[in-house]
N, C-alpha and C. Protein backbone atom coordinates (compact mmCIF):
# COMPACT_ATOMS: atom_id res chain seq x y z
N MET A 1 0.84 -1.19 0.00
CA MET A 1 0.00 0.00 0.00
C MET A 1 0.88 1.24 0.00
N ALA A 2 0.59 2.16 -0.91
CA ALA A 2 1.38 3.40 -0.99
C ALA A 2 1.15 4.25 0.25
N PRO A 3 2.20 4.93 0.73
CA PRO A 3 2.03 5.80 1.91
C PRO A 3 1.09 6.96 1.60
N THR A 4 0.38 7.42 2.61
CA THR A 4 -0.51 8.56 2.45
C THR A 4 0.31 9.81 2.18
N PRO A 5 0.03 10.55 1.12
CA PRO A 5 0.84 11.73 0.81
C PRO A 5 0.58 12.85 1.82
N PHE A 6 1.62 13.60 2.10
CA PHE A 6 1.51 14.80 2.93
C PHE A 6 1.13 15.94 2.00
N ILE A 7 0.05 16.64 2.32
CA ILE A 7 -0.44 17.68 1.42
C ILE A 7 -0.39 19.06 2.08
N ILE A 8 -0.24 20.07 1.25
CA ILE A 8 -0.30 21.45 1.70
C ILE A 8 -1.41 22.16 0.93
N VAL A 9 -2.32 22.78 1.68
CA VAL A 9 -3.44 23.51 1.10
C VAL A 9 -3.27 24.99 1.44
N ALA A 10 -3.22 25.84 0.43
CA ALA A 10 -3.07 27.28 0.61
C ALA A 10 -4.40 27.96 0.32
N ILE A 11 -4.86 28.80 1.25
CA ILE A 11 -6.11 29.53 1.07
C ILE A 11 -5.84 31.02 1.28
N ASP A 12 -6.03 31.80 0.24
CA ASP A 12 -5.81 33.24 0.31
C ASP A 12 -7.12 33.99 0.10
N GLY A 13 -7.12 35.25 0.53
CA GLY A 13 -8.29 36.10 0.32
C GLY A 13 -8.30 37.26 1.28
N GLY A 14 -9.17 38.21 1.01
CA GLY A 14 -9.28 39.37 1.87
C GLY A 14 -10.05 39.09 3.14
N ALA A 15 -10.19 40.11 3.98
CA ALA A 15 -10.91 39.96 5.24
C ALA A 15 -12.35 39.55 5.00
N ALA A 16 -12.83 38.59 5.82
CA ALA A 16 -14.23 38.14 5.79
C ALA A 16 -14.63 37.50 4.46
N SER A 17 -13.67 36.92 3.77
CA SER A 17 -13.98 36.22 2.52
C SER A 17 -14.34 34.76 2.75
N GLY A 18 -14.13 34.27 3.97
CA GLY A 18 -14.46 32.89 4.30
C GLY A 18 -13.26 32.00 4.56
N LYS A 19 -12.06 32.58 4.63
CA LYS A 19 -10.84 31.79 4.79
C LYS A 19 -10.83 30.96 6.08
N SER A 20 -11.11 31.61 7.20
CA SER A 20 -10.96 30.93 8.48
C SER A 20 -11.94 29.79 8.64
N SER A 21 -13.20 30.04 8.35
CA SER A 21 -14.21 29.00 8.52
C SER A 21 -13.95 27.81 7.60
N SER A 22 -13.60 28.09 6.36
CA SER A 22 -13.37 27.00 5.41
C SER A 22 -12.08 26.24 5.74
N SER A 23 -11.03 26.94 6.14
CA SER A 23 -9.78 26.25 6.45
C SER A 23 -9.92 25.38 7.70
N LEU A 24 -10.69 25.84 8.68
CA LEU A 24 -10.95 25.03 9.87
C LEU A 24 -11.74 23.77 9.52
N ALA A 25 -12.71 23.92 8.62
CA ALA A 25 -13.50 22.77 8.21
C ALA A 25 -12.65 21.75 7.46
N LEU A 26 -11.78 22.23 6.57
CA LEU A 26 -10.89 21.33 5.83
C LEU A 26 -9.89 20.67 6.76
N SER A 27 -9.44 21.40 7.77
CA SER A 27 -8.52 20.83 8.75
C SER A 27 -9.13 19.61 9.42
N ALA A 28 -10.38 19.74 9.84
CA ALA A 28 -11.05 18.63 10.52
C ALA A 28 -11.33 17.47 9.56
N ARG A 29 -11.73 17.80 8.34
CA ARG A 29 -12.12 16.74 7.40
C ARG A 29 -10.93 15.91 6.93
N PHE A 30 -9.80 16.56 6.70
CA PHE A 30 -8.66 15.86 6.11
C PHE A 30 -7.48 15.66 7.08
N ASP A 31 -7.68 15.95 8.36
CA ASP A 31 -6.64 15.80 9.37
C ASP A 31 -5.42 16.65 9.04
N LEU A 32 -5.65 17.95 8.87
CA LEU A 32 -4.58 18.88 8.52
C LEU A 32 -4.33 19.84 9.68
N LEU A 33 -3.08 20.20 9.87
CA LEU A 33 -2.77 21.25 10.83
C LEU A 33 -3.27 22.57 10.27
N HIS A 34 -4.02 23.32 11.07
CA HIS A 34 -4.58 24.59 10.62
C HIS A 34 -3.68 25.73 11.06
N VAL A 35 -3.38 26.62 10.12
CA VAL A 35 -2.53 27.78 10.41
C VAL A 35 -3.21 29.04 9.88
N ASP A 36 -3.48 29.98 10.78
CA ASP A 36 -4.05 31.27 10.43
C ASP A 36 -2.93 32.31 10.48
N THR A 37 -2.36 32.63 9.33
CA THR A 37 -1.23 33.56 9.33
C THR A 37 -1.66 34.98 9.66
N GLY A 38 -2.94 35.28 9.44
CA GLY A 38 -3.43 36.60 9.83
C GLY A 38 -3.26 36.85 11.32
N SER A 39 -3.42 35.79 12.11
CA SER A 39 -3.24 35.94 13.55
C SER A 39 -1.79 36.25 13.90
N PHE A 40 -0.85 35.78 13.06
CA PHE A 40 0.57 36.08 13.30
C PHE A 40 0.83 37.57 13.11
N TYR A 41 0.31 38.11 12.01
CA TYR A 41 0.52 39.54 11.75
C TYR A 41 -0.20 40.40 12.79
N ARG A 42 -1.35 39.94 13.23
CA ARG A 42 -2.05 40.65 14.29
C ARG A 42 -1.27 40.60 15.60
N ALA A 43 -0.71 39.43 15.91
CA ALA A 43 0.05 39.30 17.15
C ALA A 43 1.29 40.18 17.13
N LEU A 44 1.98 40.22 15.99
CA LEU A 44 3.16 41.08 15.87
C LEU A 44 2.77 42.55 15.92
N THR A 45 1.64 42.88 15.32
CA THR A 45 1.16 44.27 15.38
C THR A 45 0.87 44.66 16.83
N ALA A 46 0.17 43.80 17.56
CA ALA A 46 -0.13 44.07 18.96
C ALA A 46 1.15 44.23 19.78
N GLU A 47 2.15 43.40 19.47
CA GLU A 47 3.42 43.47 20.20
C GLU A 47 4.14 44.78 19.89
N MET A 48 4.13 45.21 18.63
CA MET A 48 4.79 46.47 18.28
C MET A 48 4.07 47.66 18.92
N LEU A 49 2.75 47.63 18.90
CA LEU A 49 2.00 48.72 19.53
C LEU A 49 2.27 48.75 21.04
N ARG A 50 2.36 47.58 21.64
CA ARG A 50 2.65 47.51 23.08
C ARG A 50 4.00 48.13 23.39
N ARG A 51 4.93 47.99 22.47
CA ARG A 51 6.28 48.52 22.66
C ARG A 51 6.40 49.98 22.21
N GLY A 52 5.32 50.52 21.67
CA GLY A 52 5.35 51.90 21.20
C GLY A 52 6.03 52.08 19.87
N VAL A 53 6.11 51.01 19.07
CA VAL A 53 6.75 51.07 17.75
C VAL A 53 5.69 51.35 16.70
N SER A 54 5.91 52.33 15.86
CA SER A 54 4.95 52.67 14.80
C SER A 54 5.41 52.07 13.47
N PRO A 55 4.48 51.88 12.52
CA PRO A 55 4.86 51.32 11.22
C PRO A 55 5.88 52.18 10.48
N GLY A 56 5.92 53.48 10.76
CA GLY A 56 6.84 54.36 10.05
C GLY A 56 8.23 54.42 10.64
N ASP A 57 8.46 53.77 11.76
CA ASP A 57 9.78 53.80 12.42
C ASP A 57 10.50 52.50 12.14
N LEU A 58 11.09 52.40 10.95
CA LEU A 58 11.72 51.16 10.53
C LEU A 58 12.88 50.73 11.43
N PRO A 59 13.80 51.63 11.84
CA PRO A 59 14.89 51.20 12.73
C PRO A 59 14.38 50.58 14.03
N ALA A 60 13.36 51.20 14.63
CA ALA A 60 12.80 50.66 15.86
C ALA A 60 12.13 49.31 15.62
N LEU A 61 11.45 49.18 14.48
CA LEU A 61 10.80 47.92 14.13
C LEU A 61 11.83 46.81 13.95
N GLN A 62 12.89 47.10 13.20
CA GLN A 62 13.92 46.09 12.97
C GLN A 62 14.59 45.67 14.27
N ALA A 63 14.84 46.64 15.14
CA ALA A 63 15.45 46.31 16.43
C ALA A 63 14.53 45.42 17.26
N ALA A 64 13.24 45.72 17.24
CA ALA A 64 12.30 44.90 18.01
C ALA A 64 12.19 43.50 17.43
N LEU A 65 12.13 43.39 16.10
CA LEU A 65 12.00 42.08 15.46
C LEU A 65 13.22 41.21 15.72
N SER A 66 14.39 41.82 15.73
CA SER A 66 15.62 41.04 15.90
C SER A 66 15.70 40.39 17.28
N GLY A 67 14.98 40.93 18.24
CA GLY A 67 15.04 40.37 19.59
C GLY A 67 13.92 39.42 19.93
N LEU A 68 13.00 39.18 18.99
CA LEU A 68 11.87 38.32 19.28
C LEU A 68 12.20 36.85 19.06
N LYS A 69 11.67 36.00 19.93
CA LYS A 69 11.79 34.56 19.76
C LYS A 69 10.42 34.01 19.40
N LEU A 70 10.30 33.41 18.21
CA LEU A 70 9.02 32.87 17.74
C LEU A 70 9.02 31.35 17.88
N SER A 71 7.97 30.82 18.49
CA SER A 71 7.82 29.38 18.63
C SER A 71 6.35 29.03 18.40
N THR A 72 6.02 27.74 18.50
CA THR A 72 4.67 27.29 18.15
C THR A 72 4.06 26.45 19.27
N ARG A 73 2.79 26.70 19.51
CA ARG A 73 2.01 25.91 20.45
C ARG A 73 0.78 25.39 19.72
N LEU A 74 0.41 24.14 19.96
CA LEU A 74 -0.79 23.59 19.34
C LEU A 74 -1.99 23.82 20.24
N ASN A 75 -3.08 24.24 19.61
CA ASN A 75 -4.36 24.38 20.29
C ASN A 75 -5.36 23.55 19.50
N GLY A 76 -5.53 22.29 19.89
CA GLY A 76 -6.31 21.37 19.08
C GLY A 76 -5.61 21.11 17.76
N ARG A 77 -6.29 21.40 16.66
CA ARG A 77 -5.70 21.21 15.33
C ARG A 77 -5.02 22.47 14.81
N SER A 78 -5.03 23.54 15.59
CA SER A 78 -4.50 24.81 15.12
C SER A 78 -3.14 25.12 15.74
N ALA A 79 -2.30 25.78 14.94
CA ALA A 79 -0.99 26.23 15.42
C ALA A 79 -1.11 27.67 15.89
N GLU A 80 -0.61 27.94 17.08
CA GLU A 80 -0.58 29.30 17.60
C GLU A 80 0.86 29.74 17.73
N MET A 81 1.14 30.96 17.33
CA MET A 81 2.49 31.49 17.42
C MET A 81 2.73 32.10 18.80
N GLU A 82 3.83 31.69 19.40
CA GLU A 82 4.26 32.28 20.67
C GLU A 82 5.32 33.33 20.38
N ILE A 83 5.18 34.47 21.00
CA ILE A 83 6.19 35.51 20.93
C ILE A 83 6.85 35.59 22.30
N ASP A 84 8.11 35.21 22.35
CA ASP A 84 8.84 35.16 23.63
C ASP A 84 8.06 34.32 24.65
N GLY A 85 7.53 33.19 24.17
CA GLY A 85 6.85 32.25 25.06
C GLY A 85 5.41 32.57 25.38
N ARG A 86 4.86 33.61 24.79
CA ARG A 86 3.49 34.03 25.09
C ARG A 86 2.63 34.04 23.84
N VAL A 87 1.42 33.49 23.95
CA VAL A 87 0.44 33.55 22.87
C VAL A 87 -0.43 34.77 23.07
N ALA A 88 -0.58 35.58 22.04
CA ALA A 88 -1.40 36.79 22.15
C ALA A 88 -2.85 36.42 22.41
N GLY A 89 -3.55 37.25 23.14
CA GLY A 89 -4.94 36.99 23.48
C GLY A 89 -5.91 37.82 22.66
N ASP A 90 -6.99 38.26 23.31
CA ASP A 90 -8.05 38.97 22.60
C ASP A 90 -7.61 40.31 22.03
N GLU A 91 -6.45 40.81 22.46
CA GLU A 91 -6.02 42.12 21.98
C GLU A 91 -5.77 42.14 20.48
N ILE A 92 -5.56 40.96 19.87
CA ILE A 92 -5.30 40.96 18.44
C ILE A 92 -6.56 41.31 17.63
N ARG A 93 -7.72 41.31 18.26
CA ARG A 93 -8.97 41.68 17.58
C ARG A 93 -9.44 43.07 17.98
N SER A 94 -8.59 43.81 18.64
CA SER A 94 -8.97 45.15 19.09
C SER A 94 -9.05 46.11 17.90
N ARG A 95 -9.74 47.22 18.10
CA ARG A 95 -9.85 48.24 17.05
C ARG A 95 -8.48 48.78 16.68
N GLU A 96 -7.60 48.95 17.68
CA GLU A 96 -6.26 49.49 17.42
C GLU A 96 -5.46 48.57 16.50
N VAL A 97 -5.56 47.27 16.76
CA VAL A 97 -4.84 46.32 15.91
C VAL A 97 -5.48 46.25 14.53
N ASN A 98 -6.82 46.25 14.46
CA ASN A 98 -7.51 46.25 13.17
C ASN A 98 -7.05 47.41 12.29
N ASP A 99 -6.90 48.57 12.91
CA ASP A 99 -6.54 49.77 12.14
C ASP A 99 -5.07 49.75 11.70
N ALA A 100 -4.23 49.04 12.43
CA ALA A 100 -2.78 49.10 12.17
C ALA A 100 -2.22 47.89 11.44
N VAL A 101 -2.91 46.76 11.47
CA VAL A 101 -2.29 45.51 11.02
C VAL A 101 -1.88 45.55 9.55
N SER A 102 -2.70 46.12 8.67
CA SER A 102 -2.32 46.15 7.25
C SER A 102 -1.11 47.04 7.01
N HIS A 103 -0.95 48.08 7.83
CA HIS A 103 0.22 48.96 7.69
C HIS A 103 1.50 48.22 8.09
N PHE A 104 1.43 47.46 9.19
CA PHE A 104 2.60 46.68 9.59
C PHE A 104 2.86 45.55 8.60
N ALA A 105 1.79 44.90 8.15
CA ALA A 105 1.95 43.76 7.24
C ALA A 105 2.52 44.17 5.89
N ALA A 106 2.44 45.45 5.54
CA ALA A 106 2.98 45.92 4.27
C ALA A 106 4.49 46.14 4.31
N ILE A 107 5.09 46.03 5.49
CA ILE A 107 6.52 46.29 5.64
C ILE A 107 7.31 45.05 5.25
N PRO A 108 8.15 45.12 4.21
CA PRO A 108 8.89 43.94 3.75
C PRO A 108 9.71 43.28 4.84
N GLU A 109 10.33 44.07 5.72
CA GLU A 109 11.18 43.50 6.77
C GLU A 109 10.37 42.65 7.74
N LEU A 110 9.14 43.07 8.03
CA LEU A 110 8.31 42.27 8.92
C LEU A 110 7.86 40.98 8.23
N ARG A 111 7.51 41.07 6.96
CA ARG A 111 7.11 39.87 6.24
C ARG A 111 8.27 38.89 6.12
N ALA A 112 9.47 39.43 5.89
CA ALA A 112 10.65 38.57 5.80
C ALA A 112 10.93 37.86 7.12
N ALA A 113 10.66 38.56 8.23
CA ALA A 113 10.90 37.96 9.54
C ALA A 113 9.99 36.77 9.81
N LEU A 114 8.84 36.72 9.13
CA LEU A 114 7.89 35.63 9.34
C LEU A 114 8.00 34.51 8.30
N LEU A 115 8.72 34.75 7.22
CA LEU A 115 8.73 33.81 6.11
C LEU A 115 9.21 32.41 6.52
N ALA A 116 10.39 32.32 7.09
CA ALA A 116 10.94 31.02 7.47
C ALA A 116 10.08 30.34 8.53
N TYR A 117 9.57 31.14 9.47
CA TYR A 117 8.72 30.58 10.52
C TYR A 117 7.48 29.93 9.91
N GLN A 118 6.83 30.64 8.98
CA GLN A 118 5.61 30.10 8.38
C GLN A 118 5.90 28.84 7.57
N ARG A 119 6.95 28.85 6.79
CA ARG A 119 7.28 27.66 6.01
C ARG A 119 7.64 26.48 6.92
N GLY A 120 8.23 26.78 8.05
CA GLY A 120 8.62 25.73 8.98
C GLY A 120 7.45 25.00 9.62
N LEU A 121 6.26 25.56 9.51
CA LEU A 121 5.10 24.91 10.10
C LEU A 121 4.70 23.63 9.36
N ALA A 122 5.15 23.48 8.13
CA ALA A 122 4.94 22.20 7.45
C ALA A 122 5.69 21.10 8.19
N GLY A 123 6.89 21.40 8.67
CA GLY A 123 7.65 20.43 9.46
C GLY A 123 6.97 20.13 10.78
N VAL A 124 6.36 21.13 11.40
CA VAL A 124 5.61 20.92 12.64
C VAL A 124 4.45 19.97 12.39
N ALA A 125 3.73 20.18 11.28
CA ALA A 125 2.61 19.31 10.95
C ALA A 125 3.06 17.86 10.76
N ARG A 126 4.17 17.68 10.06
CA ARG A 126 4.70 16.33 9.87
C ARG A 126 5.08 15.69 11.20
N ALA A 127 5.79 16.46 12.01
CA ALA A 127 6.28 15.93 13.29
C ALA A 127 5.14 15.55 14.22
N LYS A 128 4.02 16.26 14.12
CA LYS A 128 2.88 15.99 15.00
C LYS A 128 1.92 14.95 14.42
N GLY A 129 2.25 14.39 13.27
CA GLY A 129 1.47 13.30 12.71
C GLY A 129 0.25 13.70 11.91
N PHE A 130 0.16 14.96 11.50
CA PHE A 130 -0.96 15.38 10.67
C PHE A 130 -0.79 14.88 9.24
N ARG A 131 -1.91 14.76 8.54
CA ARG A 131 -1.87 14.33 7.15
C ARG A 131 -1.35 15.43 6.23
N GLY A 132 -1.38 16.64 6.73
CA GLY A 132 -0.91 17.76 5.94
C GLY A 132 -1.11 19.06 6.67
N LEU A 133 -1.11 20.14 5.91
CA LEU A 133 -1.18 21.49 6.45
C LEU A 133 -2.16 22.30 5.63
N VAL A 134 -3.03 23.07 6.28
CA VAL A 134 -3.86 24.04 5.58
C VAL A 134 -3.53 25.40 6.17
N MET A 135 -3.05 26.30 5.32
CA MET A 135 -2.59 27.61 5.77
C MET A 135 -3.40 28.69 5.07
N GLU A 136 -3.93 29.62 5.85
CA GLU A 136 -4.73 30.71 5.30
C GLU A 136 -4.03 32.04 5.48
N GLY A 137 -4.24 32.93 4.52
CA GLY A 137 -3.62 34.24 4.61
C GLY A 137 -3.87 35.06 3.37
N ARG A 138 -2.88 35.86 3.00
CA ARG A 138 -3.01 36.72 1.84
C ARG A 138 -1.92 36.48 0.80
N ASP A 139 -0.89 35.71 1.16
CA ASP A 139 0.19 35.45 0.20
C ASP A 139 0.67 34.00 0.29
N ILE A 140 -0.19 33.10 0.74
CA ILE A 140 0.24 31.73 0.96
C ILE A 140 0.54 31.03 -0.37
N GLY A 141 -0.41 31.11 -1.29
CA GLY A 141 -0.22 30.44 -2.58
C GLY A 141 0.72 31.17 -3.52
N SER A 142 1.06 32.41 -3.19
CA SER A 142 1.93 33.19 -4.07
C SER A 142 3.36 33.29 -3.53
N ALA A 143 3.53 33.37 -2.21
CA ALA A 143 4.86 33.61 -1.65
C ALA A 143 5.32 32.54 -0.65
N ILE A 144 4.43 32.08 0.22
CA ILE A 144 4.84 31.13 1.26
C ILE A 144 4.97 29.72 0.70
N PHE A 145 3.89 29.24 0.07
CA PHE A 145 3.92 27.90 -0.53
C PHE A 145 3.40 27.99 -1.97
N PRO A 146 4.19 28.58 -2.88
CA PRO A 146 3.72 28.71 -4.27
C PRO A 146 3.57 27.36 -4.97
N SER A 147 4.16 26.31 -4.41
CA SER A 147 4.03 24.97 -5.00
C SER A 147 3.11 24.08 -4.18
N ALA A 148 2.22 24.70 -3.40
CA ALA A 148 1.27 23.93 -2.59
C ALA A 148 0.46 22.99 -3.48
N ASP A 149 0.06 21.87 -2.92
CA ASP A 149 -0.71 20.88 -3.68
C ASP A 149 -2.05 21.44 -4.13
N PHE A 150 -2.65 22.30 -3.28
CA PHE A 150 -3.94 22.90 -3.59
C PHE A 150 -3.89 24.37 -3.21
N ARG A 151 -4.29 25.22 -4.14
CA ARG A 151 -4.28 26.67 -3.88
C ARG A 151 -5.65 27.24 -4.22
N PHE A 152 -6.24 27.92 -3.25
CA PHE A 152 -7.55 28.52 -3.42
C PHE A 152 -7.47 30.01 -3.11
N PHE A 153 -8.27 30.79 -3.83
CA PHE A 153 -8.36 32.23 -3.56
C PHE A 153 -9.83 32.58 -3.40
N LEU A 154 -10.21 33.01 -2.18
CA LEU A 154 -11.60 33.35 -1.89
C LEU A 154 -11.79 34.86 -1.96
N HIS A 155 -12.89 35.29 -2.54
CA HIS A 155 -13.17 36.73 -2.62
C HIS A 155 -14.68 36.93 -2.56
N ALA A 156 -15.07 38.14 -2.19
CA ALA A 156 -16.48 38.49 -2.11
C ALA A 156 -16.60 40.01 -2.19
N GLU A 157 -17.79 40.47 -2.51
CA GLU A 157 -18.02 41.91 -2.61
C GLU A 157 -17.77 42.56 -1.25
N ALA A 158 -17.21 43.77 -1.28
CA ALA A 158 -16.85 44.45 -0.05
C ALA A 158 -18.05 44.66 0.88
N GLY A 159 -19.20 45.02 0.31
CA GLY A 159 -20.38 45.23 1.13
C GLY A 159 -20.80 43.98 1.88
N GLU A 160 -20.73 42.85 1.22
CA GLU A 160 -21.07 41.59 1.87
C GLU A 160 -20.09 41.26 2.99
N ARG A 161 -18.83 41.51 2.75
CA ARG A 161 -17.82 41.23 3.79
C ARG A 161 -17.98 42.16 4.98
N GLU A 162 -18.38 43.39 4.72
CA GLU A 162 -18.65 44.32 5.82
C GLU A 162 -19.84 43.84 6.64
N ARG A 163 -20.85 43.30 5.98
CA ARG A 163 -22.00 42.77 6.70
C ARG A 163 -21.60 41.57 7.56
N ARG A 164 -20.73 40.74 7.03
CA ARG A 164 -20.27 39.58 7.80
C ARG A 164 -19.53 40.00 9.06
N ARG A 165 -18.66 40.99 8.93
CA ARG A 165 -17.92 41.48 10.09
C ARG A 165 -18.88 42.07 11.13
N ALA A 166 -19.85 42.84 10.66
CA ALA A 166 -20.82 43.43 11.59
C ALA A 166 -21.61 42.34 12.30
N GLY A 167 -21.94 41.28 11.57
CA GLY A 167 -22.66 40.17 12.18
C GLY A 167 -21.85 39.45 13.24
N GLN A 168 -20.53 39.55 13.14
CA GLN A 168 -19.64 38.96 14.14
C GLN A 168 -19.37 39.90 15.30
N GLY A 169 -19.99 41.08 15.23
CA GLY A 169 -19.78 42.07 16.28
C GLY A 169 -18.43 42.74 16.22
N GLN A 170 -17.82 42.78 15.02
CA GLN A 170 -16.49 43.36 14.84
C GLN A 170 -16.56 44.57 13.91
N GLN A 171 -15.67 45.49 14.16
CA GLN A 171 -15.51 46.63 13.27
C GLN A 171 -14.21 46.44 12.49
N ASP A 172 -14.28 46.60 11.20
CA ASP A 172 -13.10 46.37 10.37
C ASP A 172 -13.16 47.29 9.16
N GLN A 173 -12.04 47.87 8.80
CA GLN A 173 -11.97 48.75 7.64
C GLN A 173 -11.67 47.91 6.39
N ILE A 174 -12.68 47.19 5.95
CA ILE A 174 -12.51 46.23 4.87
C ILE A 174 -11.91 46.86 3.62
N ARG A 175 -12.51 47.95 3.14
CA ARG A 175 -12.06 48.54 1.87
C ARG A 175 -10.66 49.13 1.98
N GLU A 176 -10.36 49.76 3.12
CA GLU A 176 -9.03 50.33 3.30
C GLU A 176 -7.98 49.23 3.41
N ARG A 177 -8.31 48.15 4.13
CA ARG A 177 -7.36 47.04 4.22
C ARG A 177 -7.14 46.39 2.86
N ASP A 178 -8.20 46.26 2.08
CA ASP A 178 -8.06 45.73 0.72
C ASP A 178 -7.09 46.59 -0.09
N ARG A 179 -7.26 47.91 0.01
CA ARG A 179 -6.42 48.83 -0.77
C ARG A 179 -4.95 48.67 -0.38
N ILE A 180 -4.69 48.62 0.92
CA ILE A 180 -3.30 48.50 1.38
C ILE A 180 -2.74 47.14 1.03
N ASP A 181 -3.51 46.08 1.28
CA ASP A 181 -3.02 44.73 1.02
C ASP A 181 -2.76 44.48 -0.47
N SER A 182 -3.59 45.06 -1.31
CA SER A 182 -3.46 44.82 -2.75
C SER A 182 -2.38 45.68 -3.41
N SER A 183 -2.03 46.80 -2.78
CA SER A 183 -1.08 47.73 -3.40
C SER A 183 0.32 47.67 -2.80
N ARG A 184 0.50 46.91 -1.72
CA ARG A 184 1.82 46.87 -1.11
C ARG A 184 2.83 46.22 -2.06
N LYS A 185 4.10 46.60 -1.91
CA LYS A 185 5.15 46.07 -2.78
C LYS A 185 5.53 44.65 -2.42
N ALA A 186 5.48 44.33 -1.13
CA ALA A 186 5.89 42.99 -0.67
C ALA A 186 4.69 42.06 -0.63
N SER A 187 4.70 41.04 -1.47
CA SER A 187 3.67 40.00 -1.48
C SER A 187 2.25 40.56 -1.44
N PRO A 188 1.85 41.34 -2.45
CA PRO A 188 0.49 41.91 -2.44
C PRO A 188 -0.58 40.84 -2.51
N LEU A 189 -1.75 41.18 -1.99
CA LEU A 189 -2.90 40.29 -2.07
C LEU A 189 -3.34 40.18 -3.52
N THR A 190 -3.27 38.97 -4.06
CA THR A 190 -3.67 38.73 -5.44
C THR A 190 -3.96 37.26 -5.62
N CYS A 191 -4.76 36.94 -6.60
CA CYS A 191 -5.03 35.54 -6.89
C CYS A 191 -3.83 34.96 -7.64
N PRO A 192 -3.14 33.98 -7.05
CA PRO A 192 -1.96 33.43 -7.71
C PRO A 192 -2.32 32.74 -9.02
N PRO A 193 -1.47 32.84 -10.03
CA PRO A 193 -1.73 32.13 -11.28
C PRO A 193 -1.91 30.62 -11.02
N GLY A 194 -2.97 30.07 -11.57
CA GLY A 194 -3.22 28.65 -11.41
C GLY A 194 -4.06 28.28 -10.20
N ALA A 195 -4.31 29.24 -9.29
CA ALA A 195 -5.12 28.95 -8.11
C ALA A 195 -6.60 28.91 -8.50
N THR A 196 -7.38 28.19 -7.71
CA THR A 196 -8.82 28.13 -7.92
C THR A 196 -9.48 29.32 -7.25
N SER A 197 -10.11 30.19 -8.04
CA SER A 197 -10.77 31.38 -7.53
C SER A 197 -12.23 31.08 -7.23
N ILE A 198 -12.68 31.44 -6.01
CA ILE A 198 -14.05 31.16 -5.60
C ILE A 198 -14.68 32.45 -5.08
N ASN A 199 -15.77 32.88 -5.72
CA ASN A 199 -16.52 34.05 -5.27
C ASN A 199 -17.53 33.59 -4.22
N THR A 200 -17.37 34.05 -2.98
CA THR A 200 -18.22 33.58 -1.88
C THR A 200 -19.38 34.52 -1.58
N THR A 201 -19.59 35.52 -2.43
CA THR A 201 -20.61 36.53 -2.13
C THR A 201 -22.00 35.95 -2.00
N HIS A 202 -22.41 35.13 -2.96
CA HIS A 202 -23.80 34.67 -3.03
C HIS A 202 -23.94 33.17 -2.83
N VAL A 203 -22.98 32.55 -2.19
CA VAL A 203 -23.07 31.12 -1.89
C VAL A 203 -22.91 30.92 -0.39
N THR A 204 -23.36 29.78 0.09
CA THR A 204 -23.25 29.50 1.51
C THR A 204 -21.84 29.01 1.84
N LEU A 205 -21.50 29.12 3.12
CA LEU A 205 -20.20 28.62 3.56
C LEU A 205 -20.07 27.14 3.28
N ASP A 206 -21.14 26.38 3.51
CA ASP A 206 -21.08 24.94 3.25
C ASP A 206 -20.78 24.65 1.79
N GLU A 207 -21.35 25.45 0.89
CA GLU A 207 -21.09 25.25 -0.54
C GLU A 207 -19.64 25.53 -0.88
N VAL A 208 -19.06 26.54 -0.27
CA VAL A 208 -17.65 26.85 -0.49
C VAL A 208 -16.77 25.71 0.01
N ILE A 209 -17.07 25.24 1.20
CA ILE A 209 -16.28 24.15 1.79
C ILE A 209 -16.37 22.90 0.92
N GLU A 210 -17.58 22.57 0.46
CA GLU A 210 -17.75 21.36 -0.34
C GLU A 210 -17.02 21.46 -1.67
N GLN A 211 -17.00 22.63 -2.27
CA GLN A 211 -16.26 22.79 -3.52
C GLN A 211 -14.77 22.55 -3.32
N MET A 212 -14.23 23.10 -2.23
CA MET A 212 -12.81 22.92 -1.96
C MET A 212 -12.51 21.48 -1.57
N ALA A 213 -13.37 20.90 -0.75
CA ALA A 213 -13.15 19.53 -0.29
C ALA A 213 -13.20 18.54 -1.45
N ALA A 214 -14.11 18.78 -2.39
CA ALA A 214 -14.22 17.89 -3.53
C ALA A 214 -12.97 17.92 -4.39
N ALA A 215 -12.40 19.12 -4.55
CA ALA A 215 -11.17 19.25 -5.34
C ALA A 215 -10.01 18.50 -4.66
N ILE A 216 -9.97 18.57 -3.34
CA ILE A 216 -8.90 17.89 -2.61
C ILE A 216 -9.10 16.38 -2.65
N ALA A 217 -10.32 15.94 -2.34
CA ALA A 217 -10.60 14.52 -2.26
C ALA A 217 -10.38 13.81 -3.60
N ALA A 218 -10.62 14.52 -4.69
CA ALA A 218 -10.48 13.93 -6.01
C ALA A 218 -9.05 13.52 -6.32
N LYS A 219 -8.09 14.14 -5.63
CA LYS A 219 -6.68 13.86 -5.91
C LYS A 219 -6.00 13.07 -4.79
N LEU A 220 -6.78 12.64 -3.80
CA LEU A 220 -6.20 11.93 -2.68
C LEU A 220 -6.66 10.48 -2.64
N PRO A 221 -5.79 9.57 -2.21
CA PRO A 221 -6.25 8.21 -1.95
C PRO A 221 -7.06 8.21 -0.66
N PRO A 222 -7.86 7.20 -0.41
CA PRO A 222 -8.63 7.13 0.83
C PRO A 222 -7.70 7.18 2.04
N ALA A 223 -8.16 7.85 3.10
CA ALA A 223 -7.34 7.97 4.33
C ALA A 223 -7.16 6.61 4.97
């Protein structure tokens, strides 16, 4: 019997496009380690704000990044990033972090500081016995794992995504974050060539999940 292949699933898209819910569902269905890279950028943003570092102060940012120790803790099927031994809490969803995260995430030096760490999570998934890795973000299929076995790009109309955020009781500058994420020089938000593009505006979450799951299952042997 051939060994079960280790797979990497990349899911990209803007805020409230359905990345988190669908990636969590795929994680459970296919026994994949779930990684939310957006939480990493939020955690680093919260840490920089706590230290009084602004996105425009590159020397201070570089000095702070050089002293950070990044490690990983598992929370069920999900990987959580520890910064100096601590996992960020609810502060990563604060209004202050929401307003600042895209500005910090646009800084090439900060993205470079996370690159090796994010790629290394495939090794964590293997070591922990997962069948693979599902990673969500904005540059996974284009920059982190451009050769991922499966690459999906989720998108939806801005108004619909704003309604979703409001329904979650969150305030988010969807259109402004889209503008910054799509126009930044380092790993801009874009649908990678060859990725499967899914418009989630007028379909249910279950329909999105089933479309992605069917594409994955079609290329996998039975578990």
